[in-house]
Amino acid sequence: MTVYEGKRTIDGLRVTADGKRLDEHYEIKRFTKYGFEWTYEGESPQQLALAILYDHLGDHDRAVRLSQPFMTEIVANFDNDWTIDGQEIDAFLRAHA
């Protein structure tokens, strides 16, 4: 399962999926033009939620639909540096089936 990781560095934010940069997936839905963010509720954290869900699911409609609750329940509660894996995402998806 894919491991997603976010870090705040001196050079800015870094979000990866299995060590590779995670794309914002603006082509699916653009909540913000400012990229990813986390630790609060808002447009940039929702963009991160969408990107993680789309990468995990491969289903843009479901990723868009679930991005708000995933942002509120998961992304807004991330620490400055965080890791989440596919099993944790699947647990969220089961709760929202």
PDB file of N, CA and C in Angstrom:
ATOM      1  N   MET A   1       0.833  -1.196   0.000  1.00  0.00           N
ATOM      2  CA  MET A   1       0.000   0.000   0.000  1.00  0.00           C
ATOM      3  C   MET A   1       0.873   1.253   0.000  1.00  0.00           C
ATOM      4  N   THR A   2       0.369   2.260  -0.650  1.00  0.00           N
ATOM      5  CA  THR A   2       1.090   3.522  -0.761  1.00  0.00           C
ATOM      6  C   THR A   2       1.159   4.214   0.595  1.00  0.00           C
ATOM      7  N   VAL A   3       2.301   4.840   0.849  1.00  0.00           N
ATOM      8  CA  VAL A   3       2.493   5.654   2.049  1.00  0.00           C
ATOM      9  C   VAL A   3       2.624   7.102   1.603  1.00  0.00           C
ATOM     10  N   TYR A   4       1.775   7.952   2.155  1.00  0.00           N
ATOM     11  CA  TYR A   4       1.777   9.385   1.869  1.00  0.00           C
ATOM     12  C   TYR A   4       2.458  10.080   3.029  1.00  0.00           C
ATOM     13  N   GLU A   5       3.268  11.080   2.699  1.00  0.00           N
ATOM     14  CA  GLU A   5       4.026  11.765   3.736  1.00  0.00           C
ATOM     15  C   GLU A   5       4.088  13.253   3.440  1.00  0.00           C
ATOM     16  N   GLY A   6       3.928  14.046   4.477  1.00  0.00           N
ATOM     17  CA  GLY A   6       4.044  15.492   4.353  1.00  0.00           C
ATOM     18  C   GLY A   6       5.046  16.018   5.350  1.00  0.00           C
ATOM     19  N   LYS A   7       5.860  16.964   4.903  1.00  0.00           N
ATOM     20  CA  LYS A   7       6.878  17.573   5.766  1.00  0.00           C
ATOM     21  C   LYS A   7       6.934  19.068   5.501  1.00  0.00           C
ATOM     22  N   ARG A   8       7.167  19.801   6.569  1.00  0.00           N
ATOM     23  CA  ARG A   8       7.462  21.229   6.454  1.00  0.00           C
ATOM     24  C   ARG A   8       8.976  21.352   6.525  1.00  0.00           C
ATOM     25  N   THR A   9       9.556  21.940   5.493  1.00  0.00           N
ATOM     26  CA  THR A   9      11.006  22.101   5.459  1.00  0.00           C
ATOM     27  C   THR A   9      11.344  23.580   5.313  1.00  0.00           C
ATOM     28  N   ILE A  10      12.610  23.877   5.412  1.00  0.00           N
ATOM     29  CA  ILE A  10      13.056  25.249   5.229  1.00  0.00           C
ATOM     30  C   ILE A  10      12.751  25.746   3.816  1.00  0.00           C
ATOM     31  N   ASP A  11      12.622  24.807   2.873  1.00  0.00           N
ATOM     32  CA  ASP A  11      12.316  25.153   1.491  1.00  0.00           C
ATOM     33  C   ASP A  11      10.824  25.137   1.186  1.00  0.00           C
ATOM     34  N   GLY A  12       9.997  24.864   2.179  1.00  0.00           N
ATOM     35  CA  GLY A  12       8.553  24.834   1.980  1.00  0.00           C
ATOM     36  C   GLY A  12       7.974  23.466   2.287  1.00  0.00           C
ATOM     37  N   LEU A  13       6.770  23.238   1.805  1.00  0.00           N
ATOM     38  CA  LEU A  13       6.068  21.983   2.064  1.00  0.00           C
ATOM     39  C   LEU A  13       6.467  20.929   1.048  1.00  0.00           C
ATOM     40  N   ARG A  14       6.538  19.694   1.527  1.00  0.00           N
ATOM     41  CA  ARG A  14       6.848  18.569   0.633  1.00  0.00           C
ATOM     42  C   ARG A  14       5.855  17.453   0.919  1.00  0.00           C
ATOM     43  N   VAL A  15       5.130  17.025  -0.117  1.00  0.00           N
ATOM     44  CA  VAL A  15       4.168  15.930   0.016  1.00  0.00           C
ATOM     45  C   VAL A  15       4.538  14.865  -1.009  1.00  0.00           C
ATOM     46  N   THR A  16       4.661  13.621  -0.525  1.00  0.00           N
ATOM     47  CA  THR A  16       5.057  12.521  -1.396  1.00  0.00           C
ATOM     48  C   THR A  16       4.116  11.331  -1.240  1.00  0.00           C
ATOM     49  N   ALA A  17       4.120  10.501  -2.276  1.00  0.00           N
ATOM     50  CA  ALA A  17       3.445   9.204  -2.273  1.00  0.00           C
ATOM     51  C   ALA A  17       4.524   8.180  -2.600  1.00  0.00           C
ATOM     52  N   ASP A  18       4.856   7.345  -1.625  1.00  0.00           N
ATOM     53  CA  ASP A  18       5.967   6.392  -1.769  1.00  0.00           C
ATOM     54  C   ASP A  18       7.248   7.089  -2.218  1.00  0.00           C
ATOM     55  N   GLY A  19       7.505   8.252  -1.646  1.00  0.00           N
ATOM     56  CA  GLY A  19       8.740   8.981  -1.906  1.00  0.00           C
ATOM     57  C   GLY A  19       8.745   9.852  -3.155  1.00  0.00           C
ATOM     58  N   LYS A  20       7.692   9.797  -3.967  1.00  0.00           N
ATOM     59  CA  LYS A  20       7.598  10.622  -5.175  1.00  0.00           C
ATOM     60  C   LYS A  20       6.619  11.768  -4.941  1.00  0.00           C
ATOM     61  N   ARG A  21       6.934  12.925  -5.492  1.00  0.00           N
ATOM     62  CA  ARG A  21       6.084  14.116  -5.321  1.00  0.00           C
ATOM     63  C   ARG A  21       4.638  13.801  -5.704  1.00  0.00           C
ATOM     64  N   LEU A  22       3.713  14.189  -4.822  1.00  0.00           N
ATOM     65  CA  LEU A  22       2.281  14.016  -5.087  1.00  0.00           C
ATOM     66  C   LEU A  22       1.776  15.222  -5.866  1.00  0.00           C
ATOM     67  N   ASP A  23       1.139  14.977  -6.995  1.00  0.00           N
ATOM     68  CA  ASP A  23       0.587  16.037  -7.836  1.00  0.00           C
ATOM     69  C   ASP A  23      -0.671  16.619  -7.189  1.00  0.00           C
ATOM     70  N   GLU A  24      -0.912  17.900  -7.388  1.00  0.00           N
ATOM     71  CA  GLU A  24      -2.101  18.564  -6.831  1.00  0.00           C
ATOM     72  C   GLU A  24      -3.387  18.131  -7.520  1.00  0.00           C
ATOM     73  N   HIS A  25      -3.304  17.627  -8.720  1.00  0.00           N
ATOM     74  CA  HIS A  25      -4.457  17.189  -9.520  1.00  0.00           C
ATOM     75  C   HIS A  25      -5.476  18.308  -9.726  1.00  0.00           C
ATOM     76  N   TYR A  26      -4.954  19.466 -10.117  1.00  0.00           N
ATOM     77  CA  TYR A  26      -5.825  20.596 -10.443  1.00  0.00           C
ATOM     78  C   TYR A  26      -6.745  20.274 -11.619  1.00  0.00           C
ATOM     79  N   GLU A  27      -6.352  19.331 -12.468  1.00  0.00           N
ATOM     80  CA  GLU A  27      -7.176  18.982 -13.624  1.00  0.00           C
ATOM     81  C   GLU A  27      -8.492  18.329 -13.207  1.00  0.00           C
ATOM     82  N   ILE A  28      -8.543  17.809 -12.003  1.00  0.00           N
ATOM     83  CA  ILE A  28      -9.774  17.181 -11.500  1.00  0.00           C
ATOM     84  C   ILE A  28     -10.676  18.233 -10.862  1.00  0.00           C
ATOM     85  N   LYS A  29     -10.104  19.015  -9.965  1.00  0.00           N
ATOM     86  CA  LYS A  29     -10.840  20.115  -9.319  1.00  0.00           C
ATOM     87  C   LYS A  29      -9.816  21.025  -8.662  1.00  0.00           C
ATOM     88  N   ARG A  30      -9.991  22.305  -8.841  1.00  0.00           N
ATOM     89  CA  ARG A  30      -9.081  23.287  -8.237  1.00  0.00           C
ATOM     90  C   ARG A  30      -9.814  23.995  -7.105  1.00  0.00           C
ATOM     91  N   PHE A  31      -9.399  23.666  -5.884  1.00  0.00           N
ATOM     92  CA  PHE A  31      -9.946  24.354  -4.722  1.00  0.00           C
ATOM     93  C   PHE A  31      -9.126  25.604  -4.407  1.00  0.00           C
ATOM     94  N   THR A  32      -7.850  25.595  -4.787  1.00  0.00           N
ATOM     95  CA  THR A  32      -6.938  26.687  -4.481  1.00  0.00           C
ATOM     96  C   THR A  32      -5.878  26.784  -5.565  1.00  0.00           C
ATOM     97  N   LYS A  33      -5.221  27.921  -5.660  1.00  0.00           N
ATOM     98  CA  LYS A  33      -4.077  28.042  -6.552  1.00  0.00           C
ATOM     99  C   LYS A  33      -2.769  28.084  -5.764  1.00  0.00           C
ATOM    100  N   TYR A  34      -2.863  27.851  -4.466  1.00  0.00           N
ATOM    101  CA  TYR A  34      -1.702  27.985  -3.589  1.00  0.00           C
ATOM    102  C   TYR A  34      -1.076  26.655  -3.173  1.00  0.00           C
ATOM    103  N   GLY A  35      -1.521  25.548  -3.746  1.00  0.00           N
ATOM    104  CA  GLY A  35      -0.912  24.262  -3.419  1.00  0.00           C
ATOM    105  C   GLY A  35      -1.478  23.655  -2.148  1.00  0.00           C
ATOM    106  N   PHE A  36      -0.731  22.723  -1.606  1.00  0.00           N
ATOM    107  CA  PHE A  36      -1.173  21.970  -0.436  1.00  0.00           C
ATOM    108  C   PHE A  36      -0.939  22.726   0.861  1.00  0.00           C
ATOM    109  N   GLU A  37      -1.730  22.338   1.852  1.00  0.00           N
ATOM    110  CA  GLU A  37      -1.555  22.797   3.230  1.00  0.00           C
ATOM    111  C   GLU A  37      -2.259  21.790   4.102  1.00  0.00           C
ATOM    112  N   TRP A  38      -2.020  21.847   5.407  1.00  0.00           N
ATOM    113  CA  TRP A  38      -2.691  20.954   6.360  1.00  0.00           C
ATOM    114  C   TRP A  38      -2.651  21.564   7.746  1.00  0.00           C
ATOM    115  N   THR A  39      -3.235  20.933   8.708  1.00  0.00           N
ATOM    116  CA  THR A  39      -3.389  21.317  10.128  1.00  0.00           C
ATOM    117  C   THR A  39      -4.558  22.267  10.371  1.00  0.00           C
ATOM    118  N   TYR A  40      -5.349  22.573   9.364  1.00  0.00           N
ATOM    119  CA  TYR A  40      -6.533  23.416   9.534  1.00  0.00           C
ATOM    120  C   TYR A  40      -7.522  23.076   8.416  1.00  0.00           C
ATOM    121  N   GLU A  41      -8.726  23.594   8.511  1.00  0.00           N
ATOM    122  CA  GLU A  41      -9.745  23.388   7.477  1.00  0.00           C
ATOM    123  C   GLU A  41      -9.705  24.563   6.504  1.00  0.00           C
ATOM    124  N   GLY A  42      -9.680  24.248   5.209  1.00  0.00           N
ATOM    125  CA  GLY A  42      -9.654  25.300   4.211  1.00  0.00           C
ATOM    126  C   GLY A  42      -9.438  24.737   2.822  1.00  0.00           C
ATOM    127  N   GLU A  43      -9.236  25.645   1.865  1.00  0.00           N
ATOM    128  CA  GLU A  43      -9.126  25.259   0.460  1.00  0.00           C
ATOM    129  C   GLU A  43      -7.856  24.478   0.158  1.00  0.00           C
ATOM    130  N   SER A  44      -6.714  24.919   0.670  1.00  0.00           N
ATOM    131  CA  SER A  44      -5.458  24.210   0.410  1.00  0.00           C
ATOM    132  C   SER A  44      -5.427  22.838   1.071  1.00  0.00           C
ATOM    133  N   PRO A  45      -5.926  22.682   2.308  1.00  0.00           N
ATOM    134  CA  PRO A  45      -6.028  21.333   2.861  1.00  0.00           C
ATOM    135  C   PRO A  45      -6.997  20.446   2.073  1.00  0.00           C
ATOM    136  N   GLN A  46      -8.058  21.038   1.513  1.00  0.00           N
ATOM    137  CA  GLN A  46      -8.979  20.240   0.707  1.00  0.00           C
ATOM    138  C   GLN A  46      -8.315  19.801  -0.589  1.00  0.00           C
ATOM    139  N   GLN A  47      -7.417  20.617  -1.142  1.00  0.00           N
ATOM    140  CA  GLN A  47      -6.683  20.206  -2.340  1.00  0.00           C
ATOM    141  C   GLN A  47      -5.808  18.997  -2.018  1.00  0.00           C
ATOM    142  N   LEU A  48      -5.194  19.000  -0.851  1.00  0.00           N
ATOM    143  CA  LEU A  48      -4.397  17.847  -0.419  1.00  0.00           C
ATOM    144  C   LEU A  48      -5.280  16.621  -0.240  1.00  0.00           C
ATOM    145  N   ALA A  49      -6.429  16.799   0.380  1.00  0.00           N
ATOM    146  CA  ALA A  49      -7.364  15.683   0.570  1.00  0.00           C
ATOM    147  C   ALA A  49      -7.755  15.080  -0.772  1.00  0.00           C
ATOM    148  N   LEU A  50      -8.094  15.932  -1.733  1.00  0.00           N
ATOM    149  CA  LEU A  50      -8.459  15.471  -3.071  1.00  0.00           C
ATOM    150  C   LEU A  50      -7.309  14.693  -3.711  1.00  0.00           C
ATOM    151  N   ALA A  51      -6.105  15.228  -3.634  1.00  0.00           N
ATOM    152  CA  ALA A  51      -4.950  14.587  -4.274  1.00  0.00           C
ATOM    153  C   ALA A  51      -4.668  13.214  -3.673  1.00  0.00           C
ATOM    154  N   ILE A  52      -4.721  13.106  -2.354  1.00  0.00           N
ATOM    155  CA  ILE A  52      -4.498  11.812  -1.707  1.00  0.00           C
ATOM    156  C   ILE A  52      -5.585  10.829  -2.116  1.00  0.00           C
ATOM    157  N   LEU A  53      -6.834  11.260  -2.029  1.00  0.00           N
ATOM    158  CA  LEU A  53      -7.937  10.354  -2.366  1.00  0.00           C
ATOM    159  C   LEU A  53      -7.901   9.934  -3.826  1.00  0.00           C
ATOM    160  N   TYR A  54      -7.621  10.861  -4.725  1.00  0.00           N
ATOM    161  CA  TYR A  54      -7.574  10.495  -6.141  1.00  0.00           C
ATOM    162  C   TYR A  54      -6.424   9.527  -6.406  1.00  0.00           C
ATOM    163  N   ASP A  55      -5.280   9.794  -5.813  1.00  0.00           N
ATOM    164  CA  ASP A  55      -4.142   8.906  -5.995  1.00  0.00           C
ATOM    165  C   ASP A  55      -4.466   7.510  -5.459  1.00  0.00           C
ATOM    166  N   HIS A  56      -5.147   7.454  -4.340  1.00  0.00           N
ATOM    167  CA  HIS A  56      -5.485   6.173  -3.714  1.00  0.00           C
ATOM    168  C   HIS A  56      -6.601   5.439  -4.460  1.00  0.00           C
ATOM    169  N   LEU A  57      -7.627   6.170  -4.856  1.00  0.00           N
ATOM    170  CA  LEU A  57      -8.817   5.555  -5.462  1.00  0.00           C
ATOM    171  C   LEU A  57      -8.756   5.433  -6.982  1.00  0.00           C
ATOM    172  N   GLY A  58      -8.158   6.432  -7.633  1.00  0.00           N
ATOM    173  CA  GLY A  58      -8.201   6.486  -9.085  1.00  0.00           C
ATOM    174  C   GLY A  58      -9.573   6.851  -9.629  1.00  0.00           C
ATOM    175  N   ASP A  59     -10.440   7.364  -8.778  1.00  0.00           N
ATOM    176  CA  ASP A  59     -11.827   7.700  -9.137  1.00  0.00           C
ATOM    177  C   ASP A  59     -12.045   9.177  -8.824  1.00  0.00           C
ATOM    178  N   HIS A  60     -12.069  10.019  -9.874  1.00  0.00           N
ATOM    179  CA  HIS A  60     -12.139  11.456  -9.603  1.00  0.00           C
ATOM    180  C   HIS A  60     -13.455  11.888  -8.971  1.00  0.00           C
ATOM    181  N   ASP A  61     -14.582  11.307  -9.363  1.00  0.00           N
ATOM    182  CA  ASP A  61     -15.864  11.713  -8.778  1.00  0.00           C
ATOM    183  C   ASP A  61     -15.914  11.407  -7.275  1.00  0.00           C
ATOM    184  N   ARG A  62     -15.494  10.215  -6.925  1.00  0.00           N
ATOM    185  CA  ARG A  62     -15.498   9.823  -5.506  1.00  0.00           C
ATOM    186  C   ARG A  62     -14.486  10.648  -4.715  1.00  0.00           C
ATOM    187  N   ALA A  63     -13.335  10.925  -5.307  1.00  0.00           N
ATOM    188  CA  ALA A  63     -12.320  11.736  -4.626  1.00  0.00           C
ATOM    189  C   ALA A  63     -12.840  13.144  -4.353  1.00  0.00           C
ATOM    190  N   VAL A  64     -13.507  13.748  -5.336  1.00  0.00           N
ATOM    191  CA  VAL A  64     -14.070  15.096  -5.145  1.00  0.00           C
ATOM    192  C   VAL A  64     -15.152  15.055  -4.068  1.00  0.00           C
ATOM    193  N   ARG A  65     -16.056  14.065  -4.159  1.00  0.00           N
ATOM    194  CA  ARG A  65     -17.160  13.969  -3.212  1.00  0.00           C
ATOM    195  C   ARG A  65     -16.669  13.793  -1.768  1.00  0.00           C
ATOM    196  N   LEU A  66     -15.602  13.028  -1.571  1.00  0.00           N
ATOM    197  CA  LEU A  66     -15.116  12.730  -0.220  1.00  0.00           C
ATOM    198  C   LEU A  66     -14.028  13.690   0.266  1.00  0.00           C
ATOM    199  N   SER A  67     -13.605  14.606  -0.597  1.00  0.00           N
ATOM    200  CA  SER A  67     -12.497  15.485  -0.206  1.00  0.00           C
ATOM    201  C   SER A  67     -12.837  16.383   0.987  1.00  0.00           C
ATOM    202  N   GLN A  68     -14.060  16.862   1.073  1.00  0.00           N
ATOM    203  CA  GLN A  68     -14.452  17.715   2.206  1.00  0.00           C
ATOM    204  C   GLN A  68     -14.407  16.946   3.531  1.00  0.00           C
ATOM    205  N   PRO A  69     -15.091  15.794   3.662  1.00  0.00           N
ATOM    206  CA  PRO A  69     -14.999  15.085   4.938  1.00  0.00           C
ATOM    207  C   PRO A  69     -13.598  14.564   5.235  1.00  0.00           C
ATOM    208  N   PHE A  70     -12.832  14.158   4.216  1.00  0.00           N
ATOM    209  CA  PHE A  70     -11.469  13.684   4.454  1.00  0.00           C
ATOM    210  C   PHE A  70     -10.608  14.830   4.955  1.00  0.00           C
ATOM    211  N   MET A  71     -10.786  16.008   4.370  1.00  0.00           N
ATOM    212  CA  MET A  71     -10.043  17.180   4.833  1.00  0.00           C
ATOM    213  C   MET A  71     -10.391  17.493   6.284  1.00  0.00           C
ATOM    214  N   THR A  72     -11.689  17.501   6.603  1.00  0.00           N
ATOM    215  CA  THR A  72     -12.133  17.863   7.950  1.00  0.00           C
ATOM    216  C   THR A  72     -11.674  16.852   8.997  1.00  0.00           C
ATOM    217  N   GLU A  73     -11.835  15.576   8.698  1.00  0.00           N
ATOM    218  CA  GLU A  73     -11.542  14.527   9.676  1.00  0.00           C
ATOM    219  C   GLU A  73     -10.076  14.117   9.735  1.00  0.00           C
ATOM    220  N   ILE A  74      -9.374  14.205   8.620  1.00  0.00           N
ATOM    221  CA  ILE A  74      -8.010  13.680   8.558  1.00  0.00           C
ATOM    222  C   ILE A  74      -6.976  14.795   8.360  1.00  0.00           C
ATOM    223  N   VAL A  75      -7.033  15.477   7.237  1.00  0.00           N
ATOM    224  CA  VAL A  75      -5.994  16.433   6.857  1.00  0.00           C
ATOM    225  C   VAL A  75      -5.894  17.599   7.844  1.00  0.00           C
ATOM    226  N   ALA A  76      -7.021  18.102   8.302  1.00  0.00           N
ATOM    227  CA  ALA A  76      -7.001  19.223   9.248  1.00  0.00           C
ATOM    228  C   ALA A  76      -6.364  18.830  10.579  1.00  0.00           C
ATOM    229  N   ASN A  77      -6.289  17.544  10.846  1.00  0.00           N
ATOM    230  CA  ASN A  77      -5.722  17.057  12.105  1.00  0.00           C
ATOM    231  C   ASN A  77      -4.294  16.544  11.968  1.00  0.00           C
ATOM    232  N   PHE A  78      -3.697  16.645  10.783  1.00  0.00           N
ATOM    233  CA  PHE A  78      -2.294  16.260  10.620  1.00  0.00           C
ATOM    234  C   PHE A  78      -1.408  17.164  11.458  1.00  0.00           C
ATOM    235  N   ASP A  79      -0.295  16.601  11.934  1.00  0.00           N
ATOM    236  CA  ASP A  79       0.758  17.400  12.566  1.00  0.00           C
ATOM    237  C   ASP A  79       1.563  18.092  11.469  1.00  0.00           C
ATOM    238  N   ASN A  80       2.549  18.884  11.868  1.00  0.00           N
ATOM    239  CA  ASN A  80       3.399  19.547  10.876  1.00  0.00           C
ATOM    240  C   ASN A  80       4.042  18.545   9.925  1.00  0.00           C
ATOM    241  N   ASP A  81       4.544  17.433  10.457  1.00  0.00           N
ATOM    242  CA  ASP A  81       5.056  16.324   9.659  1.00  0.00           C
ATOM    243  C   ASP A  81       4.137  15.147   9.900  1.00  0.00           C
ATOM    244  N   TRP A  82       3.721  14.465   8.849  1.00  0.00           N
ATOM    245  CA  TRP A  82       2.727  13.407   8.986  1.00  0.00           C
ATOM    246  C   TRP A  82       2.970  12.292   7.972  1.00  0.00           C
ATOM    247  N   THR A  83       2.359  11.149   8.276  1.00  0.00           N
ATOM    248  CA  THR A  83       2.357   9.992   7.387  1.00  0.00           C
ATOM    249  C   THR A  83       0.989   9.344   7.477  1.00  0.00           C
ATOM    250  N   ILE A  84       0.459   8.917   6.341  1.00  0.00           N
ATOM    251  CA  ILE A  84      -0.787   8.162   6.310  1.00  0.00           C
ATOM    252  C   ILE A  84      -0.625   7.085   5.234  1.00  0.00           C
ATOM    253  N   ASP A  85      -1.142   5.897   5.520  1.00  0.00           N
ATOM    254  CA  ASP A  85      -1.006   4.824   4.538  1.00  0.00           C
ATOM    255  C   ASP A  85      -2.371   4.397   4.011  1.00  0.00           C
ATOM    256  N   GLY A  86      -2.340   3.518   3.034  1.00  0.00           N
ATOM    257  CA  GLY A  86      -3.555   3.060   2.381  1.00  0.00           C
ATOM    258  C   GLY A  86      -4.548   2.417   3.324  1.00  0.00           C
ATOM    259  N   GLN A  87      -4.072   1.718   4.333  1.00  0.00           N
ATOM    260  CA  GLN A  87      -4.990   1.085   5.290  1.00  0.00           C
ATOM    261  C   GLN A  87      -5.776   2.129   6.076  1.00  0.00           C
ATOM    262  N   GLU A  88      -5.111   3.200   6.458  1.00  0.00           N
ATOM    263  CA  GLU A  88      -5.800   4.270   7.187  1.00  0.00           C
ATOM    264  C   GLU A  88      -6.817   4.969   6.287  1.00  0.00           C
ATOM    265  N   ILE A  89      -6.466   5.153   5.028  1.00  0.00           N
ATOM    266  CA  ILE A  89      -7.400   5.761   4.080  1.00  0.00           C
ATOM    267  C   ILE A  89      -8.588   4.833   3.858  1.00  0.00           C
ATOM    268  N   ASP A  90      -8.324   3.536   3.723  1.00  0.00           N
ATOM    269  CA  ASP A  90      -9.412   2.561   3.555  1.00  0.00           C
ATOM    270  C   ASP A  90     -10.353   2.557   4.749  1.00  0.00           C
ATOM    271  N   ALA A  91      -9.830   2.730   5.956  1.00  0.00           N
ATOM    272  CA  ALA A  91     -10.670   2.797   7.150  1.00  0.00           C
ATOM    273  C   ALA A  91     -11.616   4.001   7.051  1.00  0.00           C
ATOM    274  N   PHE A  92     -11.089   5.143   6.612  1.00  0.00           N
ATOM    275  CA  PHE A  92     -11.917   6.327   6.408  1.00  0.00           C
ATOM    276  C   PHE A  92     -12.981   6.032   5.356  1.00  0.00           C
ATOM    277  N   LEU A  93     -12.596   5.411   4.253  1.00  0.00           N
ATOM    278  CA  LEU A  93     -13.537   5.120   3.165  1.00  0.00           C
ATOM    279  C   LEU A  93     -14.647   4.170   3.621  1.00  0.00           C
ATOM    280  N   ARG A  94     -14.316   3.180   4.434  1.00  0.00           N
ATOM    281  CA  ARG A  94     -15.342   2.264   4.963  1.00  0.00           C
ATOM    282  C   ARG A  94     -16.344   3.017   5.842  1.00  0.00           C
ATOM    283  N   ALA A  95     -15.845   3.961   6.611  1.00  0.00           N
ATOM    284  CA  ALA A  95     -16.729   4.743   7.486  1.00  0.00           C
ATOM    285  C   ALA A  95     -17.642   5.671   6.686  1.00  0.00           C
ATOM    286  N   HIS A  96     -17.279   5.940   5.441  1.00  0.00           N
ATOM    287  CA  HIS A  96     -18.043   6.863   4.596  1.00  0.00           C
ATOM    288  C   HIS A  96     -18.646   6.167   3.375  1.00  0.00           C
ATOM    289  N   ALA A  97     -18.837   4.870   3.493  1.00  0.00           N
ATOM    290  CA  ALA A  97     -19.394   4.086   2.365  1.00  0.00           C
ATOM    291  C   ALA A  97     -20.873   4.344   2.217  1.00  0.00           C
TER     292      ALA A  97
END
